[in-house]
Amino acid sequence: MKLIRRYAPGLARPRGDILRTNVLWEITRAVFILYFRIFHFLRYRCQNLLPDHGPAIITPNHVSYYDALVVPAGIPYRMRFMAMEPLFRVPLLGWFISLYGAFPVKLKSADKGAVSQTIRVLERNEVVLIFPEGGRSPDGKLAPFEQGAARIALTTGATLVPVSIIGAYEAWPKHHLLPRWFRPIVVKYHQPISVPKLEDRHQIKEAIPHVNAQIAQPIQRRLAAWERLKRIKSRR
């Protein structure tokens, strides 16, 4: 039952299917890590801050198609995550992120089904990845957060883990068809944030801006340091 809850939440799948999914996920994860280490010198920082189990929400900044690959690859267990619906129509990418546990959400719309599914996953003490900005940043800077991640955390009492993705914008920006190799990428996990579980809708609504600010602060600090480093390098 533990395998079913971990690798196929909510589905009583045959043991062979579960093990096959597990093996495919491990192989795919290893391939991604190898690819990113060779072509983007990928490094992970502070992986010890990752929770061993849920309910928890991983909340990275979002600047590139790469984000949905590099963050799950650095987490040593298969989790679930929201991804933009158009990604599932990209050849191979859609298959890979589905294998990783992704489920589609509609960008800039109220997708109540995806929110309900996320809450059910968290209630099973699992880990979910949500990009608080919703879509990819057009310029690499941190965009204003949507309410989704904070609202779900406050509804379930899930722990939040901010994540900074540095260099992915330079490696594969939003308006580029193909990635640019040999641009380094660093993924840093920040100190987890505990939030209360609230039932009152008014209290949840009032708490969302504060929770979003808590998520954004370490990410913004890391992005600012990256911008300073780029300016220093450009002067040399």
Protein backbone atom coordinates (compact mmCIF):
# COMPACT_ATOMS: atom_id res chain seq x y z
CA MET A 1 0.00 0.00 0.00
CA LYS A 2 2.89 2.37 0.66
CA LEU A 3 4.07 1.98 -2.91
CA ILE A 4 0.58 2.70 -4.18
CA ARG A 5 0.24 5.82 -2.05
CA ARG A 6 3.67 7.06 -3.04
CA TYR A 7 3.89 6.27 -6.72
CA ALA A 8 0.26 6.14 -7.80
CA PRO A 9 -1.77 8.33 -5.43
CA GLY A 10 -5.43 7.42 -5.33
CA LEU A 11 -5.10 4.49 -7.74
CA ALA A 12 -5.00 0.81 -6.82
CA ARG A 13 -2.77 -0.14 -9.71
CA PRO A 14 -1.33 -3.63 -10.25
CA ARG A 15 2.07 -4.15 -8.63
CA GLY A 16 3.77 -4.60 -12.01
CA ASP A 17 2.53 -1.21 -13.23
CA ILE A 18 3.67 0.50 -10.04
CA LEU A 19 7.15 -1.01 -10.20
CA ARG A 20 7.40 -0.20 -13.89
CA THR A 21 6.51 3.45 -13.19
CA ASN A 22 9.07 3.51 -10.37
CA VAL A 23 11.85 2.16 -12.59
CA LEU A 24 10.99 4.50 -15.47
CA TRP A 25 10.97 7.47 -13.09
CA GLU A 26 14.38 6.55 -11.64
CA ILE A 27 15.87 6.08 -15.12
CA THR A 28 14.37 9.32 -16.43
CA ARG A 29 15.55 11.24 -13.37
CA ALA A 30 19.08 9.91 -13.82
CA VAL A 31 19.05 10.87 -17.52
CA PHE A 32 17.88 14.40 -16.72
CA ILE A 33 20.54 14.88 -14.05
CA LEU A 34 23.23 13.61 -16.43
CA TYR A 35 22.00 15.91 -19.22
CA PHE A 36 21.88 18.99 -17.01
CA ARG A 37 25.25 18.30 -15.41
CA ILE A 38 26.92 17.90 -18.81
CA PHE A 39 25.23 20.72 -20.71
CA HIS A 40 24.40 23.16 -17.91
CA PHE A 41 26.82 22.25 -15.08
CA LEU A 42 23.78 21.76 -12.82
CA ARG A 43 24.29 22.11 -9.08
CA TYR A 44 21.84 21.61 -6.22
CA ARG A 45 22.19 23.51 -2.94
CA CYS A 46 20.68 22.77 0.49
CA GLN A 47 18.86 19.56 -0.49
CA ASN A 48 18.96 18.66 3.20
CA LEU A 49 16.16 21.20 3.73
CA LEU A 50 13.72 19.11 1.68
CA PRO A 51 11.00 17.41 3.75
CA ASP A 52 11.05 13.62 3.99
CA HIS A 53 7.31 13.51 3.41
CA GLY A 54 4.27 15.70 3.08
CA PRO A 55 2.07 17.47 3.30
CA ALA A 56 4.46 19.92 1.68
CA ILE A 57 4.48 22.28 -1.29
CA ILE A 58 7.68 23.01 -3.23
CA THR A 59 7.45 26.60 -4.59
CA PRO A 60 10.13 27.58 -7.16
CA ASN A 61 10.38 30.69 -9.31
CA HIS A 62 9.44 29.99 -12.94
CA VAL A 63 11.56 31.27 -15.84
CA SER A 64 12.03 28.37 -18.26
CA TYR A 65 10.72 25.11 -19.71
CA TYR A 66 13.63 23.57 -17.82
CA ASP A 67 12.09 24.38 -14.43
CA ALA A 68 9.63 21.48 -14.52
CA LEU A 69 12.58 19.13 -15.04
CA VAL A 70 15.45 20.41 -12.89
CA VAL A 71 13.46 20.80 -9.66
CA PRO A 72 11.89 17.30 -9.56
CA ALA A 73 15.21 15.76 -10.65
CA GLY A 74 16.82 17.09 -7.47
CA ILE A 75 14.18 15.59 -5.18
CA PRO A 76 14.85 11.96 -4.22
CA TYR A 77 11.25 10.78 -4.43
CA ARG A 78 8.46 11.00 -6.97
CA MET A 79 6.09 13.84 -6.19
CA ARG A 80 3.10 15.46 -7.91
CA PHE A 81 3.09 18.87 -9.51
CA MET A 82 0.98 21.29 -11.44
CA ALA A 83 2.15 22.16 -14.93
CA MET A 84 0.70 24.43 -17.59
CA GLU A 85 -1.68 22.61 -19.89
CA PRO A 86 0.28 23.55 -23.09
CA LEU A 87 3.36 21.69 -21.80
CA PHE A 88 1.54 18.39 -22.19
CA ARG A 89 1.27 19.02 -25.93
CA VAL A 90 5.05 19.39 -26.36
CA PRO A 91 6.52 16.17 -27.86
CA LEU A 92 8.43 14.09 -25.29
CA LEU A 93 8.24 16.84 -22.66
CA GLY A 94 4.59 16.06 -22.00
CA TRP A 95 5.36 12.37 -21.54
CA PHE A 96 8.31 13.08 -19.26
CA ILE A 97 6.47 15.45 -16.94
CA SER A 98 3.50 13.08 -16.77
CA LEU A 99 5.89 10.35 -15.69
CA TYR A 100 7.21 12.74 -13.05
CA GLY A 101 3.69 13.00 -11.60
CA ALA A 102 2.48 16.17 -13.32
CA PHE A 103 -1.15 17.06 -13.87
CA PRO A 104 -2.34 19.92 -16.13
CA VAL A 105 -3.72 23.26 -15.00
CA LYS A 106 -5.22 25.98 -17.16
CA LEU A 107 -3.11 29.15 -17.14
CA LYS A 108 -4.84 32.33 -15.95
CA SER A 109 -8.10 30.59 -15.16
CA ALA A 110 -9.80 29.17 -12.12
CA ASP A 111 -9.11 25.45 -12.47
CA LYS A 112 -11.03 24.12 -9.48
CA GLY A 113 -10.41 20.51 -10.48
CA ALA A 114 -6.63 20.92 -10.29
CA VAL A 115 -6.91 22.68 -6.92
CA SER A 116 -9.13 19.91 -5.54
CA GLN A 117 -6.74 17.26 -6.84
CA THR A 118 -3.79 19.05 -5.22
CA ILE A 119 -5.58 19.23 -1.89
CA ARG A 120 -6.38 15.50 -2.04
CA VAL A 121 -2.73 14.69 -2.73
CA LEU A 122 -1.59 16.80 0.22
CA GLU A 123 -4.16 15.18 2.49
CA ARG A 124 -2.40 11.89 1.72
CA ASN A 125 0.79 13.43 3.20
CA GLU A 126 2.50 13.74 -0.17
CA VAL A 127 4.63 16.47 -1.71
CA VAL A 128 3.44 18.77 -4.51
CA LEU A 129 5.31 21.28 -6.67
CA ILE A 130 3.50 24.53 -7.52
CA PHE A 131 4.94 27.52 -9.37
CA PRO A 132 3.50 30.49 -7.42
CA GLU A 133 3.87 32.85 -10.39
CA GLY A 134 1.59 30.65 -12.49
CA GLY A 135 3.42 31.02 -15.83
CA ARG A 136 7.00 31.64 -16.85
CA SER A 137 8.54 35.05 -16.29
CA PRO A 138 9.16 36.84 -19.62
CA ASP A 139 12.33 38.57 -18.38
CA GLY A 140 13.79 36.27 -15.72
CA LYS A 141 12.59 38.48 -12.86
CA LEU A 142 10.22 37.30 -10.17
CA ALA A 143 6.66 37.97 -11.34
CA PRO A 144 3.72 38.70 -9.00
CA PHE A 145 2.42 35.55 -7.33
CA GLU A 146 -0.97 34.04 -7.93
CA GLN A 147 -2.99 33.03 -4.86
CA GLY A 148 -2.98 29.28 -5.53
CA ALA A 149 0.05 27.99 -3.63
CA ALA A 150 -0.59 30.11 -0.53
CA ARG A 151 -4.31 29.34 -0.52
CA ILE A 152 -3.73 25.59 -0.80
CA ALA A 153 -1.09 25.69 1.96
CA LEU A 154 -3.41 27.59 4.30
CA THR A 155 -6.28 25.22 3.49
CA THR A 156 -4.25 22.08 4.22
CA GLY A 157 -1.58 23.31 6.66
CA ALA A 158 1.10 22.05 4.27
CA THR A 159 4.71 23.15 4.75
CA LEU A 160 6.06 25.45 2.03
CA VAL A 161 9.59 25.12 0.63
CA PRO A 162 10.74 28.10 -1.49
CA VAL A 163 13.18 27.22 -4.29
CA SER A 164 15.45 29.50 -6.31
CA ILE A 165 16.25 28.48 -9.88
CA ILE A 166 19.24 30.47 -11.07
CA GLY A 167 20.50 30.49 -14.66
CA ALA A 168 17.59 28.64 -16.28
CA TYR A 169 16.36 31.85 -17.88
CA GLU A 170 19.72 32.35 -19.58
CA ALA A 171 19.75 28.67 -20.58
CA TRP A 172 16.24 28.58 -22.08
CA PRO A 173 14.25 31.83 -21.94
CA LYS A 174 10.55 31.95 -22.66
CA HIS A 175 10.71 33.20 -26.24
CA HIS A 176 13.49 30.87 -27.46
CA LEU A 177 12.51 27.75 -29.36
CA LEU A 178 15.59 25.77 -28.27
CA PRO A 179 17.79 25.80 -25.16
CA ARG A 180 21.24 27.40 -25.10
CA TRP A 181 23.80 24.89 -23.87
CA PHE A 182 26.63 25.53 -21.43
CA ARG A 183 24.73 28.15 -19.47
CA PRO A 184 25.08 27.07 -15.80
CA ILE A 185 22.02 26.35 -13.65
CA VAL A 186 21.86 26.31 -9.85
CA VAL A 187 18.84 25.13 -7.85
CA LYS A 188 18.75 26.17 -4.20
CA TYR A 189 16.21 24.96 -1.65
CA HIS A 190 15.40 27.42 1.13
CA GLN A 191 14.26 27.09 4.73
CA PRO A 192 10.78 25.53 4.95
CA ILE A 193 7.89 27.78 5.98
CA SER A 194 5.20 26.53 8.37
CA VAL A 195 1.70 27.94 7.96
CA PRO A 196 -1.45 27.36 10.03
CA LYS A 197 -4.33 25.30 8.73
CA LEU A 198 -7.29 27.66 8.46
CA GLU A 199 -10.93 26.88 7.79
CA ASP A 200 -12.38 30.39 7.66
CA ARG A 201 -12.32 31.72 4.08
CA HIS A 202 -11.92 35.31 5.24
CA GLN A 203 -8.88 34.42 7.35
CA ILE A 204 -7.36 32.52 4.42
CA LYS A 205 -7.88 35.48 2.09
CA GLU A 206 -6.27 37.87 4.58
CA ALA A 207 -3.27 35.58 5.15
CA ILE A 208 -2.43 34.96 1.47
CA PRO A 209 -0.39 38.17 0.87
CA HIS A 210 1.74 37.50 3.97
CA VAL A 211 2.40 33.89 2.96
CA ASN A 212 3.27 34.93 -0.60
CA ALA A 213 5.74 37.48 0.79
CA GLN A 214 7.38 34.77 2.90
CA ILE A 215 7.80 32.56 -0.16
CA ALA A 216 9.10 35.38 -2.35
CA GLN A 217 11.64 36.84 0.08
CA PRO A 218 14.40 34.18 -0.11
CA ILE A 219 13.87 33.70 -3.85
CA GLN A 220 14.08 37.44 -4.53
CA ARG A 221 17.20 37.72 -2.39
CA ARG A 222 18.87 34.93 -4.36
CA LEU A 223 17.85 36.41 -7.73
CA ALA A 224 19.20 39.82 -6.67
CA ALA A 225 22.54 38.25 -5.76
CA TRP A 226 22.63 36.56 -9.17
CA GLU A 227 21.98 39.89 -10.94
CA ARG A 228 24.80 41.54 -8.97
CA LEU A 229 27.16 38.74 -9.94
CA LYS A 230 26.25 39.10 -13.62
CA ARG A 231 26.93 42.84 -13.49
CA ILE A 232 30.32 42.26 -11.90
CA LYS A 233 31.25 39.70 -14.56
CA SER A 234 30.12 42.01 -17.37
CA ARG A 235 32.55 44.71 -16.19
CA ARG A 236 35.56 42.44 -16.45
